Amino acid sequence: VQLQASGGGLAQAAASLRLSCAASGGTFTNYNMGWFRQAPGKEREFVAAISRSGSSSYYADPVRGRFAISRDNAKNTVYLQMNNLKPDDTAVYYCAASVRAGLQGLAAAYNYWGQGTQVTVSS
């Protein structure tokens, strides 16, 4: 499956952005989906994951309550709604697809990755 992330950009602190990740070349509902991010000089870190049906989701502590992951299986797209952005949210954001059962927080559990989209939050 190929993944194409979009929607990043420059935002001020407390603003909102919505990232999208369009999947193609596979059966979208075969995959649990996740978002990760990587800031300069730091390791890639888990942000959020959503189950195949969209009925379950899971968040990293730094974004819980501010970010929301969702998916539209009819459009083969997963979203990350980011509210109340903080400068610490500045990173390249990646979407990823996992064939493993259960929601996964480890990058190694994901089989396919998108190219990343830059999010920069100014104070």
N, C-alpha and C. Protein backbone atom coordinates (compact mmCIF):
# COMPACT_ATOMS: atom_id res chain seq x y z
N VAL A 1 0.85 -1.18 0.00
CA VAL A 1 0.00 0.00 0.00
C VAL A 1 0.90 1.24 0.00
N GLN A 2 0.48 2.25 -0.75
CA GLN A 2 1.21 3.53 -0.78
C GLN A 2 0.45 4.56 0.04
N LEU A 3 1.19 5.36 0.78
CA LEU A 3 0.59 6.35 1.67
C LEU A 3 1.11 7.73 1.31
N GLN A 4 0.21 8.70 1.23
CA GLN A 4 0.56 10.07 0.88
C GLN A 4 0.00 11.01 1.93
N ALA A 5 0.89 11.59 2.72
CA ALA A 5 0.47 12.51 3.77
C ALA A 5 0.46 13.94 3.24
N SER A 6 -0.46 14.72 3.77
CA SER A 6 -0.57 16.13 3.38
C SER A 6 -1.20 16.91 4.51
N GLY A 7 -1.18 18.24 4.36
CA GLY A 7 -1.87 19.10 5.31
C GLY A 7 -0.99 19.81 6.30
N GLY A 8 0.31 19.54 6.26
CA GLY A 8 1.21 20.24 7.17
C GLY A 8 1.38 21.69 6.77
N GLY A 9 2.08 22.40 7.60
CA GLY A 9 2.34 23.81 7.32
C GLY A 9 2.81 24.54 8.56
N LEU A 10 2.72 25.86 8.46
CA LEU A 10 3.13 26.72 9.56
C LEU A 10 1.90 27.20 10.32
N ALA A 11 1.93 27.07 11.64
CA ALA A 11 0.80 27.51 12.46
C ALA A 11 1.33 28.20 13.70
N GLN A 12 0.51 29.07 14.25
CA GLN A 12 0.87 29.70 15.51
C GLN A 12 0.41 28.82 16.67
N ALA A 13 1.03 29.00 17.80
CA ALA A 13 0.63 28.28 19.00
C ALA A 13 -0.86 28.51 19.27
N ALA A 14 -1.54 27.43 19.68
CA ALA A 14 -2.97 27.40 19.99
C ALA A 14 -3.85 27.25 18.75
N ALA A 15 -3.24 27.28 17.58
CA ALA A 15 -4.01 27.08 16.35
C ALA A 15 -4.25 25.60 16.11
N SER A 16 -4.94 25.32 15.00
CA SER A 16 -5.27 23.94 14.63
C SER A 16 -4.80 23.65 13.21
N LEU A 17 -4.50 22.39 12.98
CA LEU A 17 -4.21 21.89 11.64
C LEU A 17 -4.82 20.50 11.53
N ARG A 18 -5.15 20.11 10.31
CA ARG A 18 -5.61 18.74 10.07
C ARG A 18 -4.73 18.11 9.02
N LEU A 19 -4.14 17.00 9.37
CA LEU A 19 -3.34 16.23 8.44
C LEU A 19 -4.21 15.14 7.82
N SER A 20 -3.90 14.83 6.58
CA SER A 20 -4.57 13.74 5.87
C SER A 20 -3.53 12.76 5.36
N CYS A 21 -3.95 11.53 5.23
CA CYS A 21 -3.07 10.50 4.67
C CYS A 21 -3.94 9.62 3.78
N ALA A 22 -3.69 9.69 2.49
CA ALA A 22 -4.46 8.92 1.51
C ALA A 22 -3.72 7.64 1.18
N ALA A 23 -4.42 6.53 1.21
CA ALA A 23 -3.84 5.23 0.91
C ALA A 23 -4.30 4.75 -0.46
N SER A 24 -3.41 4.05 -1.13
CA SER A 24 -3.75 3.48 -2.43
C SER A 24 -2.98 2.19 -2.63
N GLY A 25 -3.50 1.37 -3.51
CA GLY A 25 -2.80 0.14 -3.86
C GLY A 25 -2.99 -1.01 -2.92
N GLY A 26 -3.93 -0.91 -2.03
CA GLY A 26 -4.20 -2.00 -1.10
C GLY A 26 -5.60 -1.91 -0.56
N THR A 27 -5.98 -2.86 0.28
CA THR A 27 -7.29 -2.83 0.92
C THR A 27 -7.14 -2.09 2.23
N PHE A 28 -7.66 -0.89 2.28
CA PHE A 28 -7.41 0.01 3.40
C PHE A 28 -7.86 -0.59 4.73
N THR A 29 -8.95 -1.31 4.70
CA THR A 29 -9.48 -1.85 5.95
C THR A 29 -8.70 -3.06 6.47
N ASN A 30 -7.66 -3.44 5.76
CA ASN A 30 -6.77 -4.49 6.27
C ASN A 30 -5.77 -3.95 7.28
N TYR A 31 -5.72 -2.62 7.40
CA TYR A 31 -4.65 -2.01 8.17
C TYR A 31 -5.15 -1.18 9.35
N ASN A 32 -4.51 -1.39 10.49
CA ASN A 32 -4.57 -0.39 11.54
C ASN A 32 -3.64 0.74 11.11
N MET A 33 -4.02 1.97 11.40
CA MET A 33 -3.26 3.12 10.93
C MET A 33 -2.69 3.91 12.09
N GLY A 34 -1.54 4.52 11.85
CA GLY A 34 -0.92 5.32 12.92
C GLY A 34 -0.29 6.58 12.37
N TRP A 35 -0.09 7.52 13.28
CA TRP A 35 0.68 8.72 12.99
C TRP A 35 1.88 8.76 13.94
N PHE A 36 3.01 9.11 13.38
CA PHE A 36 4.24 9.31 14.14
C PHE A 36 4.80 10.68 13.80
N ARG A 37 5.76 11.14 14.57
CA ARG A 37 6.41 12.40 14.26
C ARG A 37 7.88 12.32 14.65
N GLN A 38 8.66 13.14 13.96
CA GLN A 38 10.09 13.19 14.25
C GLN A 38 10.55 14.64 14.20
N ALA A 39 11.02 15.11 15.33
CA ALA A 39 11.57 16.46 15.42
C ALA A 39 13.07 16.41 15.13
N PRO A 40 13.66 17.52 14.73
CA PRO A 40 15.09 17.54 14.44
C PRO A 40 15.91 17.07 15.63
N GLY A 41 16.82 16.13 15.37
CA GLY A 41 17.70 15.62 16.41
C GLY A 41 17.07 14.64 17.37
N LYS A 42 15.81 14.27 17.11
CA LYS A 42 15.11 13.34 18.00
C LYS A 42 14.68 12.10 17.24
N GLU A 43 14.38 11.06 18.01
CA GLU A 43 13.89 9.84 17.40
C GLU A 43 12.43 9.99 17.00
N ARG A 44 12.02 9.17 16.06
CA ARG A 44 10.62 9.15 15.67
C ARG A 44 9.79 8.67 16.85
N GLU A 45 8.68 9.35 17.10
CA GLU A 45 7.84 8.99 18.23
C GLU A 45 6.40 8.79 17.80
N PHE A 46 5.73 7.92 18.52
CA PHE A 46 4.33 7.60 18.28
C PHE A 46 3.45 8.77 18.66
N VAL A 47 2.42 9.01 17.85
CA VAL A 47 1.45 10.06 18.14
C VAL A 47 0.07 9.47 18.42
N ALA A 48 -0.44 8.69 17.47
CA ALA A 48 -1.80 8.15 17.61
C ALA A 48 -1.99 6.98 16.68
N ALA A 49 -2.96 6.12 17.01
CA ALA A 49 -3.28 4.98 16.17
C ALA A 49 -4.79 4.77 16.18
N ILE A 50 -5.28 4.14 15.11
CA ILE A 50 -6.71 3.87 14.99
C ILE A 50 -6.89 2.49 14.38
N SER A 51 -7.94 1.82 14.84
CA SER A 51 -8.20 0.46 14.39
C SER A 51 -8.77 0.43 12.98
N ARG A 52 -8.85 -0.74 12.43
CA ARG A 52 -9.31 -0.93 11.06
C ARG A 52 -10.71 -0.35 10.84
N SER A 53 -11.56 -0.55 11.80
CA SER A 53 -12.94 -0.07 11.66
C SER A 53 -13.10 1.38 12.07
N GLY A 54 -12.12 1.88 12.80
CA GLY A 54 -12.21 3.24 13.34
C GLY A 54 -12.85 3.30 14.71
N SER A 55 -13.20 2.16 15.26
CA SER A 55 -13.92 2.16 16.53
C SER A 55 -13.01 2.33 17.74
N SER A 56 -11.72 2.10 17.56
CA SER A 56 -10.78 2.24 18.68
C SER A 56 -9.62 3.14 18.29
N SER A 57 -9.14 3.89 19.25
CA SER A 57 -7.98 4.75 19.01
C SER A 57 -7.11 4.80 20.26
N TYR A 58 -5.94 5.32 20.09
CA TYR A 58 -4.91 5.26 21.14
C TYR A 58 -3.97 6.43 20.89
N TYR A 59 -3.61 7.14 21.98
CA TYR A 59 -2.83 8.36 21.85
C TYR A 59 -1.62 8.35 22.77
N ALA A 60 -0.58 9.02 22.31
CA ALA A 60 0.57 9.29 23.18
C ALA A 60 0.18 10.36 24.19
N ASP A 61 0.78 10.30 25.36
CA ASP A 61 0.42 11.23 26.42
C ASP A 61 0.56 12.71 26.02
N PRO A 62 1.61 13.10 25.28
CA PRO A 62 1.78 14.53 24.99
C PRO A 62 0.67 15.14 24.13
N VAL A 63 -0.10 14.28 23.42
CA VAL A 63 -1.12 14.82 22.51
C VAL A 63 -2.53 14.46 22.93
N ARG A 64 -2.67 13.60 23.92
CA ARG A 64 -4.01 13.17 24.34
C ARG A 64 -4.82 14.38 24.79
N GLY A 65 -6.02 14.47 24.28
CA GLY A 65 -6.89 15.60 24.61
C GLY A 65 -6.76 16.77 23.65
N ARG A 66 -5.71 16.80 22.85
CA ARG A 66 -5.52 17.88 21.87
C ARG A 66 -5.64 17.38 20.44
N PHE A 67 -5.19 16.15 20.19
CA PHE A 67 -5.21 15.58 18.84
C PHE A 67 -6.30 14.52 18.75
N ALA A 68 -6.83 14.34 17.55
CA ALA A 68 -7.83 13.30 17.32
C ALA A 68 -7.55 12.61 16.00
N ILE A 69 -7.45 11.30 16.05
CA ILE A 69 -7.25 10.51 14.84
C ILE A 69 -8.60 9.96 14.39
N SER A 70 -8.80 9.93 13.09
CA SER A 70 -10.03 9.38 12.53
C SER A 70 -9.71 8.80 11.16
N ARG A 71 -10.65 8.06 10.61
CA ARG A 71 -10.46 7.51 9.27
C ARG A 71 -11.78 7.45 8.55
N ASP A 72 -11.69 7.56 7.25
CA ASP A 72 -12.85 7.42 6.36
C ASP A 72 -12.53 6.27 5.43
N ASN A 73 -13.07 5.11 5.72
CA ASN A 73 -12.72 3.93 4.93
C ASN A 73 -13.28 4.00 3.51
N ALA A 74 -14.29 4.77 3.31
CA ALA A 74 -14.83 4.94 1.95
C ALA A 74 -13.88 5.77 1.08
N LYS A 75 -13.08 6.61 1.73
CA LYS A 75 -12.13 7.46 1.01
C LYS A 75 -10.69 6.98 1.15
N ASN A 76 -10.49 5.86 1.85
CA ASN A 76 -9.13 5.32 2.06
C ASN A 76 -8.20 6.37 2.66
N THR A 77 -8.70 7.09 3.63
CA THR A 77 -7.96 8.21 4.19
C THR A 77 -8.02 8.19 5.72
N VAL A 78 -6.89 8.50 6.33
CA VAL A 78 -6.83 8.68 7.78
C VAL A 78 -6.44 10.13 8.04
N TYR A 79 -7.00 10.67 9.13
CA TYR A 79 -6.80 12.07 9.46
C TYR A 79 -6.18 12.21 10.85
N LEU A 80 -5.52 13.34 11.04
CA LEU A 80 -5.07 13.71 12.37
C LEU A 80 -5.44 15.18 12.58
N GLN A 81 -6.46 15.39 13.40
CA GLN A 81 -6.87 16.73 13.76
C GLN A 81 -6.04 17.18 14.94
N MET A 82 -5.32 18.26 14.77
CA MET A 82 -4.41 18.76 15.80
C MET A 82 -4.90 20.11 16.28
N ASN A 83 -5.31 20.17 17.53
CA ASN A 83 -5.82 21.39 18.13
C ASN A 83 -4.87 21.89 19.21
N ASN A 84 -4.99 23.16 19.53
CA ASN A 84 -4.17 23.77 20.59
C ASN A 84 -2.69 23.40 20.40
N LEU A 85 -2.21 23.66 19.21
CA LEU A 85 -0.83 23.30 18.87
C LEU A 85 0.17 24.04 19.74
N LYS A 86 1.27 23.37 20.01
CA LYS A 86 2.34 23.92 20.82
C LYS A 86 3.65 23.88 20.01
N PRO A 87 4.60 24.75 20.33
CA PRO A 87 5.88 24.69 19.61
C PRO A 87 6.53 23.31 19.67
N ASP A 88 6.31 22.57 20.76
CA ASP A 88 6.88 21.23 20.88
C ASP A 88 6.27 20.23 19.90
N ASP A 89 5.18 20.62 19.25
CA ASP A 89 4.58 19.74 18.24
C ASP A 89 5.29 19.86 16.89
N THR A 90 6.23 20.78 16.77
CA THR A 90 6.97 20.96 15.52
C THR A 90 7.75 19.69 15.19
N ALA A 91 7.49 19.15 14.00
CA ALA A 91 8.10 17.89 13.59
C ALA A 91 7.64 17.57 12.17
N VAL A 92 8.28 16.57 11.61
CA VAL A 92 7.74 15.95 10.40
C VAL A 92 6.80 14.84 10.85
N TYR A 93 5.59 14.85 10.33
CA TYR A 93 4.58 13.88 10.71
C TYR A 93 4.44 12.83 9.62
N TYR A 94 4.44 11.58 10.05
CA TYR A 94 4.35 10.44 9.14
C TYR A 94 3.10 9.62 9.45
N CYS A 95 2.43 9.17 8.40
CA CYS A 95 1.39 8.18 8.59
C CYS A 95 1.97 6.81 8.27
N ALA A 96 1.38 5.79 8.86
CA ALA A 96 1.89 4.44 8.70
C ALA A 96 0.75 3.44 8.79
N ALA A 97 0.95 2.29 8.17
CA ALA A 97 -0.05 1.23 8.15
C ALA A 97 0.54 -0.05 8.72
N SER A 98 -0.26 -0.72 9.54
CA SER A 98 0.19 -1.95 10.19
C SER A 98 -0.79 -3.08 9.91
N VAL A 99 -0.25 -4.24 9.60
CA VAL A 99 -1.09 -5.43 9.40
C VAL A 99 -1.28 -6.19 10.70
N ARG A 100 -0.59 -5.79 11.75
CA ARG A 100 -0.67 -6.50 13.01
C ARG A 100 -2.02 -6.26 13.68
N ALA A 101 -2.43 -7.25 14.43
CA ALA A 101 -3.65 -7.11 15.21
C ALA A 101 -3.39 -6.18 16.39
N GLY A 102 -4.38 -5.39 16.74
CA GLY A 102 -4.25 -4.49 17.88
C GLY A 102 -3.57 -3.19 17.51
N LEU A 103 -3.84 -2.16 18.30
CA LEU A 103 -3.25 -0.85 18.06
C LEU A 103 -1.80 -0.86 18.52
N GLN A 104 -0.94 -0.32 17.68
CA GLN A 104 0.50 -0.42 17.90
C GLN A 104 1.11 0.95 18.14
N GLY A 105 2.01 1.02 19.14
CA GLY A 105 2.71 2.26 19.42
C GLY A 105 4.18 2.24 19.02
N LEU A 106 4.63 1.13 18.50
CA LEU A 106 6.03 1.02 18.11
C LEU A 106 6.16 1.13 16.60
N ALA A 107 7.13 1.91 16.17
CA ALA A 107 7.33 2.10 14.73
C ALA A 107 7.63 0.78 14.02
N ALA A 108 8.30 -0.12 14.71
CA ALA A 108 8.67 -1.40 14.10
C ALA A 108 7.45 -2.26 13.77
N ALA A 109 6.31 -1.94 14.35
CA ALA A 109 5.09 -2.71 14.10
C ALA A 109 4.39 -2.31 12.81
N TYR A 110 4.85 -1.25 12.19
CA TYR A 110 4.21 -0.73 10.99
C TYR A 110 4.97 -1.17 9.74
N ASN A 111 4.20 -1.53 8.75
CA ASN A 111 4.77 -2.12 7.54
C ASN A 111 4.99 -1.11 6.42
N TYR A 112 4.17 -0.09 6.39
CA TYR A 112 4.20 0.87 5.29
C TYR A 112 4.19 2.28 5.86
N TRP A 113 4.93 3.17 5.18
CA TRP A 113 5.08 4.54 5.67
C TRP A 113 4.85 5.53 4.54
N GLY A 114 4.26 6.66 4.89
CA GLY A 114 4.16 7.77 3.96
C GLY A 114 5.44 8.60 4.00
N GLN A 115 5.47 9.63 3.19
CA GLN A 115 6.71 10.41 3.01
C GLN A 115 6.89 11.49 4.06
N GLY A 116 5.87 11.80 4.84
CA GLY A 116 6.00 12.82 5.87
C GLY A 116 5.55 14.18 5.41
N THR A 117 5.00 14.94 6.34
CA THR A 117 4.60 16.31 6.07
C THR A 117 5.05 17.17 7.25
N GLN A 118 5.62 18.31 6.95
CA GLN A 118 6.23 19.17 7.97
C GLN A 118 5.16 20.00 8.68
N VAL A 119 5.21 20.00 9.99
CA VAL A 119 4.38 20.88 10.81
C VAL A 119 5.32 21.74 11.64
N THR A 120 5.15 23.05 11.52
CA THR A 120 5.97 23.99 12.28
C THR A 120 5.05 24.90 13.08
N VAL A 121 5.24 24.93 14.39
CA VAL A 121 4.40 25.74 15.27
C VAL A 121 5.25 26.82 15.90
N SER A 122 4.85 28.06 15.67
CA SER A 122 5.59 29.19 16.23
C SER A 122 4.91 29.69 17.50
N SER A 123 5.73 30.23 18.38
CA SER A 123 5.19 30.71 19.66
C SER A 123 4.72 32.16 19.56
